[in-house]
N, C-alpha and C. Protein backbone atom coordinates (compact mmCIF):
# COMPACT_ATOMS: atom_id res chain seq x y z
N MET A 1 8.16 -21.05 -27.99
CA MET A 1 8.57 -19.77 -27.45
C MET A 1 9.17 -18.92 -28.56
N HIS A 2 8.85 -17.64 -28.53
CA HIS A 2 9.40 -16.70 -29.49
C HIS A 2 10.81 -16.32 -29.06
N ALA A 3 11.66 -15.96 -30.02
CA ALA A 3 12.98 -15.43 -29.68
C ALA A 3 12.78 -14.12 -28.92
N VAL A 4 13.51 -13.97 -27.82
CA VAL A 4 13.35 -12.80 -26.96
C VAL A 4 14.65 -12.02 -26.92
N ARG A 5 14.52 -10.70 -27.07
CA ARG A 5 15.67 -9.81 -26.98
C ARG A 5 15.42 -8.85 -25.82
N VAL A 6 16.39 -8.74 -24.92
CA VAL A 6 16.29 -7.77 -23.82
C VAL A 6 17.00 -6.50 -24.28
N ARG A 7 16.28 -5.40 -24.16
CA ARG A 7 16.82 -4.10 -24.58
C ARG A 7 16.30 -3.01 -23.67
N ARG A 8 16.92 -1.84 -23.77
CA ARG A 8 16.44 -0.68 -23.02
C ARG A 8 15.03 -0.32 -23.47
N ALA A 9 14.21 0.08 -22.53
CA ALA A 9 12.85 0.50 -22.85
C ALA A 9 12.88 1.86 -23.54
N ARG A 10 11.92 2.06 -24.43
CA ARG A 10 11.75 3.32 -25.14
C ARG A 10 10.38 3.89 -24.81
N LEU A 11 10.19 5.15 -25.12
CA LEU A 11 8.89 5.78 -24.85
C LEU A 11 7.75 5.06 -25.56
N ASP A 12 8.01 4.52 -26.74
CA ASP A 12 6.92 3.85 -27.45
C ASP A 12 6.60 2.46 -26.88
N ASP A 13 7.32 2.03 -25.85
CA ASP A 13 7.04 0.77 -25.16
C ASP A 13 6.08 0.93 -23.99
N CYS A 14 5.77 2.15 -23.61
CA CYS A 14 5.04 2.40 -22.36
C CYS A 14 3.69 1.70 -22.29
N GLN A 15 2.94 1.69 -23.35
CA GLN A 15 1.63 1.03 -23.36
C GLN A 15 1.80 -0.47 -23.11
N ALA A 16 2.76 -1.08 -23.77
CA ALA A 16 2.99 -2.53 -23.63
C ALA A 16 3.52 -2.86 -22.23
N ILE A 17 4.40 -2.03 -21.69
CA ILE A 17 4.90 -2.24 -20.33
C ILE A 17 3.73 -2.17 -19.35
N ALA A 18 2.88 -1.18 -19.52
CA ALA A 18 1.72 -1.01 -18.64
C ALA A 18 0.79 -2.23 -18.73
N HIS A 19 0.61 -2.75 -19.92
CA HIS A 19 -0.25 -3.94 -20.09
C HIS A 19 0.33 -5.12 -19.30
N VAL A 20 1.63 -5.37 -19.45
CA VAL A 20 2.26 -6.46 -18.69
C VAL A 20 2.15 -6.19 -17.20
N GLN A 21 2.42 -4.96 -16.78
CA GLN A 21 2.38 -4.62 -15.36
C GLN A 21 1.01 -4.88 -14.75
N VAL A 22 -0.02 -4.33 -15.34
CA VAL A 22 -1.36 -4.43 -14.76
C VAL A 22 -1.81 -5.89 -14.70
N HIS A 23 -1.60 -6.62 -15.76
CA HIS A 23 -2.05 -8.02 -15.77
C HIS A 23 -1.23 -8.89 -14.81
N THR A 24 0.08 -8.69 -14.76
CA THR A 24 0.88 -9.51 -13.84
C THR A 24 0.63 -9.11 -12.39
N TYR A 25 0.38 -7.83 -12.12
CA TYR A 25 0.03 -7.43 -10.76
C TYR A 25 -1.20 -8.20 -10.30
N HIS A 26 -2.23 -8.23 -11.11
CA HIS A 26 -3.47 -8.91 -10.72
C HIS A 26 -3.25 -10.41 -10.55
N GLU A 27 -2.50 -11.03 -11.46
CA GLU A 27 -2.22 -12.46 -11.36
C GLU A 27 -1.37 -12.79 -10.13
N THR A 28 -0.38 -11.97 -9.89
CA THR A 28 0.58 -12.24 -8.83
C THR A 28 0.06 -11.89 -7.45
N TYR A 29 -0.60 -10.75 -7.32
CA TYR A 29 -0.92 -10.21 -6.00
C TYR A 29 -2.35 -10.40 -5.54
N GLU A 30 -3.23 -10.96 -6.39
CA GLU A 30 -4.59 -11.23 -5.95
C GLU A 30 -4.54 -12.16 -4.74
N GLY A 31 -5.17 -11.76 -3.66
CA GLY A 31 -5.15 -12.55 -2.44
C GLY A 31 -3.97 -12.25 -1.52
N ILE A 32 -3.02 -11.46 -2.02
CA ILE A 32 -1.86 -11.07 -1.20
C ILE A 32 -2.01 -9.63 -0.74
N VAL A 33 -2.38 -8.75 -1.66
CA VAL A 33 -2.54 -7.33 -1.33
C VAL A 33 -4.02 -6.97 -1.43
N PRO A 34 -4.43 -5.88 -0.79
CA PRO A 34 -5.84 -5.48 -0.84
C PRO A 34 -6.31 -5.20 -2.27
N ARG A 35 -7.54 -5.59 -2.55
CA ARG A 35 -8.12 -5.36 -3.88
C ARG A 35 -8.16 -3.88 -4.23
N GLY A 36 -8.37 -3.04 -3.24
CA GLY A 36 -8.39 -1.59 -3.49
C GLY A 36 -7.07 -1.09 -4.03
N TYR A 37 -5.99 -1.68 -3.55
CA TYR A 37 -4.67 -1.31 -4.06
C TYR A 37 -4.55 -1.70 -5.52
N LEU A 38 -4.93 -2.93 -5.86
CA LEU A 38 -4.83 -3.40 -7.24
C LEU A 38 -5.75 -2.62 -8.18
N ALA A 39 -6.90 -2.20 -7.68
CA ALA A 39 -7.89 -1.51 -8.51
C ALA A 39 -7.38 -0.18 -9.05
N GLN A 40 -6.41 0.40 -8.39
CA GLN A 40 -5.91 1.71 -8.83
C GLN A 40 -5.05 1.62 -10.09
N PHE A 41 -4.64 0.42 -10.49
CA PHE A 41 -3.77 0.26 -11.65
C PHE A 41 -4.59 -0.03 -12.90
N THR A 42 -4.50 0.88 -13.86
CA THR A 42 -5.12 0.68 -15.17
C THR A 42 -4.02 0.77 -16.22
N VAL A 43 -4.24 0.15 -17.36
CA VAL A 43 -3.24 0.20 -18.42
C VAL A 43 -3.02 1.64 -18.86
N ALA A 44 -4.09 2.39 -19.06
CA ALA A 44 -3.95 3.79 -19.51
C ALA A 44 -3.18 4.62 -18.48
N GLY A 45 -3.53 4.48 -17.22
CA GLY A 45 -2.85 5.24 -16.17
C GLY A 45 -1.38 4.86 -16.03
N GLN A 46 -1.09 3.58 -16.11
CA GLN A 46 0.30 3.13 -15.98
C GLN A 46 1.13 3.49 -17.20
N ALA A 47 0.52 3.53 -18.39
CA ALA A 47 1.27 3.95 -19.58
C ALA A 47 1.76 5.38 -19.41
N VAL A 48 0.91 6.24 -18.87
CA VAL A 48 1.32 7.62 -18.59
C VAL A 48 2.42 7.64 -17.54
N ALA A 49 2.25 6.85 -16.49
CA ALA A 49 3.25 6.81 -15.41
C ALA A 49 4.61 6.33 -15.94
N TRP A 50 4.61 5.31 -16.80
CA TRP A 50 5.88 4.82 -17.36
C TRP A 50 6.53 5.85 -18.27
N ARG A 51 5.74 6.56 -19.04
CA ARG A 51 6.29 7.61 -19.90
C ARG A 51 6.99 8.67 -19.04
N GLU A 52 6.34 9.08 -17.96
CA GLU A 52 6.93 10.06 -17.06
C GLU A 52 8.18 9.50 -16.39
N TRP A 53 8.12 8.22 -16.01
CA TRP A 53 9.26 7.58 -15.34
C TRP A 53 10.47 7.56 -16.26
N ILE A 54 10.29 7.15 -17.51
CA ILE A 54 11.40 7.08 -18.46
C ILE A 54 12.02 8.46 -18.65
N GLN A 55 11.20 9.47 -18.75
CA GLN A 55 11.71 10.82 -18.97
C GLN A 55 12.42 11.39 -17.74
N ALA A 56 12.04 10.97 -16.55
CA ALA A 56 12.57 11.55 -15.32
C ALA A 56 13.72 10.76 -14.70
N ASN A 57 13.88 9.51 -15.04
CA ASN A 57 14.84 8.64 -14.34
C ASN A 57 16.00 8.23 -15.23
N ARG A 58 16.81 9.16 -15.58
CA ARG A 58 17.95 8.89 -16.46
C ARG A 58 19.03 8.02 -15.79
N ARG A 59 19.12 8.05 -14.47
CA ARG A 59 20.13 7.23 -13.78
C ARG A 59 19.61 5.86 -13.39
N SER A 60 18.38 5.57 -13.71
CA SER A 60 17.81 4.27 -13.43
C SER A 60 17.82 3.43 -14.70
N VAL A 61 17.51 2.15 -14.54
CA VAL A 61 17.53 1.20 -15.65
C VAL A 61 16.13 0.64 -15.84
N LEU A 62 15.67 0.59 -17.08
CA LEU A 62 14.41 -0.06 -17.42
C LEU A 62 14.65 -0.82 -18.71
N VAL A 63 14.50 -2.14 -18.63
CA VAL A 63 14.68 -2.99 -19.81
C VAL A 63 13.39 -3.76 -20.06
N VAL A 64 13.20 -4.16 -21.31
CA VAL A 64 12.04 -4.95 -21.69
C VAL A 64 12.50 -6.22 -22.39
N ALA A 65 11.65 -7.23 -22.31
CA ALA A 65 11.84 -8.46 -23.07
C ALA A 65 10.93 -8.34 -24.28
N ASP A 66 11.54 -8.19 -25.44
CA ASP A 66 10.82 -7.99 -26.69
C ASP A 66 10.85 -9.31 -27.46
N ALA A 67 9.71 -9.96 -27.55
CA ALA A 67 9.62 -11.27 -28.21
C ALA A 67 9.19 -11.10 -29.65
N ALA A 68 9.95 -11.68 -30.55
CA ALA A 68 9.63 -11.62 -31.98
C ALA A 68 8.22 -12.15 -32.20
N GLY A 69 7.40 -11.35 -32.82
CA GLY A 69 6.04 -11.77 -33.13
C GLY A 69 5.04 -11.59 -32.00
N ALA A 70 5.52 -11.32 -30.79
CA ALA A 70 4.61 -11.19 -29.65
C ALA A 70 4.72 -9.83 -28.96
N GLY A 71 5.77 -9.09 -29.20
CA GLY A 71 5.96 -7.78 -28.56
C GLY A 71 6.55 -7.91 -27.16
N ILE A 72 6.25 -6.95 -26.32
CA ILE A 72 6.81 -6.89 -24.96
C ILE A 72 6.13 -7.94 -24.09
N VAL A 73 6.94 -8.85 -23.53
CA VAL A 73 6.41 -9.92 -22.67
C VAL A 73 6.92 -9.83 -21.24
N GLY A 74 7.72 -8.80 -20.95
CA GLY A 74 8.22 -8.62 -19.60
C GLY A 74 9.04 -7.35 -19.50
N TYR A 75 9.30 -6.94 -18.27
CA TYR A 75 10.14 -5.77 -18.04
C TYR A 75 10.80 -5.89 -16.67
N ALA A 76 11.87 -5.14 -16.50
CA ALA A 76 12.55 -5.09 -15.21
C ALA A 76 13.17 -3.71 -15.06
N SER A 77 13.25 -3.24 -13.82
CA SER A 77 13.85 -1.94 -13.56
C SER A 77 14.75 -2.02 -12.34
N GLY A 78 15.69 -1.10 -12.29
CA GLY A 78 16.61 -1.04 -11.16
C GLY A 78 17.21 0.35 -11.06
N ARG A 79 17.91 0.55 -9.95
CA ARG A 79 18.51 1.87 -9.73
C ARG A 79 19.70 1.76 -8.80
N PRO A 80 20.64 2.69 -8.93
CA PRO A 80 21.74 2.75 -7.96
C PRO A 80 21.22 3.27 -6.62
N LEU A 81 21.85 2.81 -5.55
CA LEU A 81 21.56 3.31 -4.20
C LEU A 81 22.87 3.81 -3.60
N PRO A 82 23.35 4.97 -4.05
CA PRO A 82 24.64 5.46 -3.58
C PRO A 82 24.68 5.61 -2.06
N GLY A 83 25.80 5.21 -1.50
CA GLY A 83 26.00 5.35 -0.06
C GLY A 83 25.44 4.22 0.77
N CYS A 84 24.80 3.24 0.15
CA CYS A 84 24.24 2.10 0.87
C CYS A 84 25.17 0.89 0.74
N VAL A 85 25.13 0.00 1.73
CA VAL A 85 25.92 -1.22 1.65
C VAL A 85 25.50 -2.01 0.40
N TYR A 86 24.21 -2.18 0.22
CA TYR A 86 23.68 -2.75 -1.01
C TYR A 86 23.41 -1.54 -1.91
N ASP A 87 24.34 -1.27 -2.82
CA ASP A 87 24.35 -0.01 -3.56
C ASP A 87 23.60 -0.06 -4.90
N ALA A 88 22.83 -1.13 -5.11
CA ALA A 88 22.01 -1.25 -6.32
C ALA A 88 20.73 -1.99 -5.94
N GLU A 89 19.63 -1.63 -6.59
CA GLU A 89 18.34 -2.24 -6.27
C GLU A 89 17.62 -2.66 -7.55
N LEU A 90 17.10 -3.87 -7.54
CA LEU A 90 16.15 -4.30 -8.55
C LEU A 90 14.79 -3.87 -8.03
N SER A 91 14.12 -2.95 -8.72
CA SER A 91 12.86 -2.43 -8.21
C SER A 91 11.64 -3.11 -8.81
N ALA A 92 11.80 -3.80 -9.94
CA ALA A 92 10.67 -4.52 -10.54
C ALA A 92 11.20 -5.57 -11.50
N LEU A 93 10.49 -6.70 -11.56
CA LEU A 93 10.75 -7.73 -12.56
C LEU A 93 9.44 -8.49 -12.76
N TYR A 94 8.85 -8.32 -13.93
CA TYR A 94 7.57 -8.96 -14.22
C TYR A 94 7.59 -9.57 -15.61
N VAL A 95 7.07 -10.78 -15.72
CA VAL A 95 6.99 -11.51 -16.99
C VAL A 95 5.55 -11.96 -17.17
N ALA A 96 5.01 -11.73 -18.36
CA ALA A 96 3.65 -12.16 -18.68
C ALA A 96 3.52 -13.66 -18.46
N SER A 97 2.37 -14.09 -17.95
CA SER A 97 2.20 -15.47 -17.50
C SER A 97 2.51 -16.51 -18.57
N GLY A 98 2.19 -16.27 -19.81
CA GLY A 98 2.46 -17.25 -20.85
C GLY A 98 3.93 -17.37 -21.24
N ASN A 99 4.78 -16.55 -20.65
CA ASN A 99 6.20 -16.52 -21.00
C ASN A 99 7.11 -16.86 -19.82
N ARG A 100 6.53 -17.33 -18.73
CA ARG A 100 7.33 -17.68 -17.56
C ARG A 100 7.95 -19.06 -17.73
N ARG A 101 8.99 -19.31 -16.95
CA ARG A 101 9.71 -20.60 -16.96
C ARG A 101 10.35 -20.88 -18.32
N GLN A 102 10.74 -19.82 -19.00
CA GLN A 102 11.39 -19.95 -20.30
C GLN A 102 12.68 -19.16 -20.37
N GLY A 103 13.14 -18.63 -19.24
CA GLY A 103 14.38 -17.88 -19.21
C GLY A 103 14.22 -16.37 -19.41
N VAL A 104 12.99 -15.90 -19.56
CA VAL A 104 12.75 -14.48 -19.79
C VAL A 104 13.11 -13.68 -18.54
N GLY A 105 12.67 -14.13 -17.37
CA GLY A 105 13.00 -13.43 -16.12
C GLY A 105 14.49 -13.38 -15.88
N ARG A 106 15.17 -14.48 -16.13
CA ARG A 106 16.62 -14.54 -15.96
C ARG A 106 17.30 -13.53 -16.90
N ALA A 107 16.85 -13.47 -18.15
CA ALA A 107 17.43 -12.54 -19.12
C ALA A 107 17.18 -11.09 -18.70
N LEU A 108 15.99 -10.79 -18.20
CA LEU A 108 15.69 -9.44 -17.72
C LEU A 108 16.56 -9.09 -16.52
N MET A 109 16.66 -10.02 -15.57
CA MET A 109 17.49 -9.79 -14.38
C MET A 109 18.93 -9.53 -14.80
N TYR A 110 19.44 -10.34 -15.73
CA TYR A 110 20.81 -10.15 -16.21
C TYR A 110 20.96 -8.76 -16.84
N GLY A 111 19.98 -8.34 -17.64
CA GLY A 111 20.05 -7.03 -18.28
C GLY A 111 20.15 -5.89 -17.27
N VAL A 112 19.37 -5.96 -16.21
CA VAL A 112 19.42 -4.91 -15.17
C VAL A 112 20.72 -5.01 -14.38
N VAL A 113 21.08 -6.21 -13.97
CA VAL A 113 22.30 -6.40 -13.16
C VAL A 113 23.54 -5.92 -13.93
N ARG A 114 23.61 -6.27 -15.19
CA ARG A 114 24.77 -5.85 -16.01
C ARG A 114 24.88 -4.33 -16.05
N ARG A 115 23.76 -3.67 -16.29
CA ARG A 115 23.77 -2.20 -16.37
C ARG A 115 24.10 -1.57 -15.02
N LEU A 116 23.53 -2.11 -13.94
CA LEU A 116 23.82 -1.56 -12.61
C LEU A 116 25.29 -1.77 -12.24
N GLN A 117 25.85 -2.90 -12.62
CA GLN A 117 27.27 -3.13 -12.36
C GLN A 117 28.12 -2.14 -13.15
N LEU A 118 27.78 -1.88 -14.39
CA LEU A 118 28.51 -0.90 -15.20
C LEU A 118 28.39 0.51 -14.63
N MET A 119 27.32 0.76 -13.89
CA MET A 119 27.12 2.06 -13.24
C MET A 119 27.84 2.14 -11.89
N GLY A 120 28.57 1.07 -11.52
CA GLY A 120 29.34 1.08 -10.29
C GLY A 120 28.75 0.27 -9.16
N GLY A 121 27.67 -0.45 -9.39
CA GLY A 121 27.05 -1.25 -8.34
C GLY A 121 27.91 -2.45 -7.95
N HIS A 122 27.97 -2.73 -6.66
CA HIS A 122 28.75 -3.87 -6.14
C HIS A 122 27.90 -4.91 -5.45
N ALA A 123 26.76 -4.49 -4.89
CA ALA A 123 25.87 -5.40 -4.15
C ALA A 123 24.44 -5.03 -4.49
N LEU A 124 23.58 -6.04 -4.68
CA LEU A 124 22.21 -5.82 -5.13
C LEU A 124 21.21 -6.28 -4.09
N THR A 125 20.12 -5.54 -3.99
CA THR A 125 19.01 -5.94 -3.15
C THR A 125 17.69 -5.74 -3.90
N LEU A 126 16.65 -6.36 -3.39
CA LEU A 126 15.29 -6.18 -3.90
C LEU A 126 14.33 -6.48 -2.78
N TRP A 127 13.09 -6.05 -2.94
CA TRP A 127 12.03 -6.36 -1.98
C TRP A 127 11.01 -7.25 -2.68
N VAL A 128 10.57 -8.29 -1.99
CA VAL A 128 9.56 -9.22 -2.51
C VAL A 128 8.58 -9.52 -1.39
N MET A 129 7.32 -9.60 -1.72
CA MET A 129 6.32 -9.92 -0.70
C MET A 129 6.52 -11.36 -0.24
N ALA A 130 6.48 -11.57 1.06
CA ALA A 130 6.75 -12.89 1.63
C ALA A 130 5.82 -13.96 1.06
N GLU A 131 4.58 -13.59 0.76
CA GLU A 131 3.63 -14.56 0.22
C GLU A 131 3.82 -14.82 -1.28
N ASN A 132 4.69 -14.08 -1.93
CA ASN A 132 4.98 -14.32 -3.34
C ASN A 132 6.08 -15.38 -3.41
N ARG A 133 5.70 -16.59 -3.02
CA ARG A 133 6.66 -17.68 -2.85
C ARG A 133 7.37 -18.07 -4.14
N GLU A 134 6.66 -17.97 -5.27
CA GLU A 134 7.29 -18.33 -6.55
C GLU A 134 8.48 -17.41 -6.85
N ALA A 135 8.27 -16.11 -6.72
CA ALA A 135 9.36 -15.16 -6.98
C ALA A 135 10.48 -15.34 -5.96
N LEU A 136 10.13 -15.50 -4.70
CA LEU A 136 11.14 -15.68 -3.66
C LEU A 136 12.00 -16.92 -3.96
N ALA A 137 11.37 -17.99 -4.38
CA ALA A 137 12.13 -19.21 -4.71
C ALA A 137 13.09 -18.98 -5.87
N VAL A 138 12.66 -18.22 -6.87
CA VAL A 138 13.54 -17.92 -8.00
C VAL A 138 14.74 -17.10 -7.53
N TYR A 139 14.50 -16.07 -6.75
CA TYR A 139 15.60 -15.24 -6.27
C TYR A 139 16.58 -16.04 -5.42
N GLN A 140 16.06 -16.93 -4.59
CA GLN A 140 16.93 -17.77 -3.78
C GLN A 140 17.69 -18.77 -4.66
N HIS A 141 17.05 -19.27 -5.70
CA HIS A 141 17.73 -20.16 -6.65
C HIS A 141 18.91 -19.44 -7.31
N TRP A 142 18.75 -18.15 -7.54
CA TRP A 142 19.83 -17.35 -8.14
C TRP A 142 20.86 -16.92 -7.11
N GLY A 143 20.75 -17.40 -5.88
CA GLY A 143 21.76 -17.13 -4.85
C GLY A 143 21.42 -16.02 -3.88
N GLY A 144 20.25 -15.43 -4.00
CA GLY A 144 19.85 -14.37 -3.08
C GLY A 144 19.56 -14.91 -1.69
N ARG A 145 19.83 -14.09 -0.70
CA ARG A 145 19.58 -14.44 0.70
C ARG A 145 18.68 -13.39 1.32
N ILE A 146 17.75 -13.83 2.17
CA ILE A 146 16.89 -12.89 2.89
C ILE A 146 17.76 -12.14 3.90
N ILE A 147 17.72 -10.81 3.81
CA ILE A 147 18.56 -10.00 4.69
C ILE A 147 17.77 -9.09 5.62
N ALA A 148 16.46 -8.93 5.35
CA ALA A 148 15.63 -8.09 6.22
C ALA A 148 14.16 -8.34 5.89
N GLU A 149 13.30 -7.86 6.77
CA GLU A 149 11.86 -7.89 6.49
C GLU A 149 11.23 -6.64 7.08
N GLN A 150 10.09 -6.28 6.51
CA GLN A 150 9.36 -5.11 7.00
C GLN A 150 7.90 -5.24 6.58
N ILE A 151 7.07 -4.37 7.16
CA ILE A 151 5.68 -4.31 6.75
C ILE A 151 5.61 -3.41 5.51
N TRP A 152 4.98 -3.92 4.45
CA TRP A 152 4.86 -3.20 3.19
C TRP A 152 3.98 -1.98 3.41
N GLU A 153 4.52 -0.80 3.14
CA GLU A 153 3.79 0.43 3.41
C GLU A 153 2.58 0.62 2.48
N GLY A 154 2.58 -0.02 1.31
CA GLY A 154 1.44 0.07 0.40
C GLY A 154 0.16 -0.50 0.97
N GLY A 155 0.27 -1.46 1.87
CA GLY A 155 -0.93 -2.07 2.45
C GLY A 155 -1.47 -1.35 3.65
N VAL A 156 -0.66 -0.53 4.28
CA VAL A 156 -1.04 0.13 5.51
C VAL A 156 -2.29 0.99 5.33
N GLU A 157 -2.34 1.76 4.24
CA GLU A 157 -3.50 2.64 4.04
C GLU A 157 -4.78 1.86 3.77
N TYR A 158 -4.66 0.57 3.45
CA TYR A 158 -5.83 -0.28 3.24
C TYR A 158 -6.10 -1.18 4.44
N GLY A 159 -5.37 -0.97 5.52
CA GLY A 159 -5.57 -1.74 6.72
C GLY A 159 -5.02 -3.16 6.65
N ALA A 160 -4.11 -3.40 5.72
CA ALA A 160 -3.54 -4.74 5.56
C ALA A 160 -2.09 -4.74 6.04
N GLU A 161 -1.73 -5.82 6.68
CA GLU A 161 -0.34 -5.98 7.12
C GLU A 161 0.30 -7.06 6.24
N VAL A 162 1.01 -6.61 5.24
CA VAL A 162 1.67 -7.50 4.29
C VAL A 162 3.17 -7.41 4.55
N ILE A 163 3.79 -8.56 4.73
CA ILE A 163 5.23 -8.59 5.00
C ILE A 163 5.99 -8.68 3.69
N GLU A 164 7.02 -7.84 3.57
CA GLU A 164 7.92 -7.96 2.43
C GLU A 164 9.32 -8.25 2.94
N LEU A 165 10.05 -8.98 2.12
CA LEU A 165 11.40 -9.42 2.48
C LEU A 165 12.42 -8.76 1.58
N ALA A 166 13.54 -8.36 2.15
CA ALA A 166 14.67 -7.88 1.36
C ALA A 166 15.52 -9.10 1.03
N VAL A 167 15.81 -9.26 -0.24
CA VAL A 167 16.69 -10.33 -0.71
C VAL A 167 17.94 -9.63 -1.23
N GLY A 168 19.10 -10.15 -0.85
CA GLY A 168 20.34 -9.48 -1.25
C GLY A 168 21.39 -10.41 -1.80
N TRP A 169 22.23 -9.83 -2.61
CA TRP A 169 23.42 -10.47 -3.16
C TRP A 169 24.58 -9.54 -2.84
N PRO A 170 25.49 -9.93 -1.93
CA PRO A 170 26.58 -9.04 -1.55
C PRO A 170 27.62 -8.83 -2.66
N GLU A 171 27.62 -9.69 -3.66
CA GLU A 171 28.57 -9.57 -4.78
C GLU A 171 27.79 -9.57 -6.09
N ILE A 172 27.57 -8.40 -6.67
CA ILE A 172 26.82 -8.30 -7.91
C ILE A 172 27.53 -9.03 -9.05
N ALA A 173 28.85 -9.08 -9.01
CA ALA A 173 29.61 -9.77 -10.06
C ALA A 173 29.30 -11.27 -10.04
N ALA A 174 29.18 -11.85 -8.85
CA ALA A 174 28.86 -13.28 -8.75
C ALA A 174 27.43 -13.54 -9.24
N LEU A 175 26.51 -12.65 -8.93
CA LEU A 175 25.14 -12.78 -9.42
C LEU A 175 25.12 -12.71 -10.95
N ARG A 176 25.83 -11.75 -11.50
CA ARG A 176 25.88 -11.62 -12.95
C ARG A 176 26.43 -12.88 -13.60
N ALA A 177 27.47 -13.44 -13.02
CA ALA A 177 28.06 -14.68 -13.57
C ALA A 177 27.06 -15.83 -13.47
N ALA A 178 26.35 -15.92 -12.36
CA ALA A 178 25.36 -17.00 -12.19
C ALA A 178 24.22 -16.86 -13.20
N LEU A 179 23.79 -15.64 -13.46
CA LEU A 179 22.71 -15.41 -14.41
C LEU A 179 23.15 -15.69 -15.85
N ALA A 180 24.43 -15.53 -16.11
CA ALA A 180 24.95 -15.76 -17.47
C ALA A 180 25.06 -17.24 -17.78
N THR A 181 25.08 -18.08 -16.75
CA THR A 181 25.16 -19.54 -16.93
C THR A 181 23.80 -20.04 -17.37
N PRO A 182 23.72 -20.79 -18.48
CA PRO A 182 22.42 -21.29 -18.93
C PRO A 182 21.70 -22.08 -17.85
N ALA A 183 20.40 -21.87 -17.78
CA ALA A 183 19.58 -22.57 -16.78
C ALA A 183 19.40 -24.02 -17.19
N ARG A 184 19.38 -24.90 -16.19
CA ARG A 184 19.04 -26.31 -16.45
C ARG A 184 17.54 -26.43 -16.55
N ILE A 185 17.08 -27.19 -17.51
CA ILE A 185 15.65 -27.44 -17.65
C ILE A 185 15.37 -28.82 -17.09
N CYS A 186 14.52 -28.87 -16.08
CA CYS A 186 14.22 -30.15 -15.40
C CYS A 186 12.98 -30.78 -15.98
């Protein structure tokens, strides 16, 4: 494994973020979401979308896992949700397949959680597709609890009923502390 540094994303990272996004979407969601939904994501199109996102979302967080010698191998994003009981949200966390189970996801999650806590966040939530069992297991391992479920609106236009689950941590400080503890390797 290459040494990985989690840092804020920059505009020159957009192409690499898009590459990770498109490839992990296809690996993760094939068979879960409609193919038509996945087909709309291209590296070129997502690079433009990420560039626009970085420029427009100054109050949100976007971090990347930058691996020495390998470049960007993952990314995560989050945002404050002012006025909500769960006042911070992890909106994305993706790690390239060859870099999973090495602590990259944990480091990305910690990077977003730390920044959201510094922005005043007290409780964190995220949405995960119910059939994405691997991600759900990781979030539960980190102490997250299922707090709600709904039909994913992205599938509705394709005639698919995909269930997504809200996973929450009522104490962002406890989550941050848990993420800072080194993972046991079994």
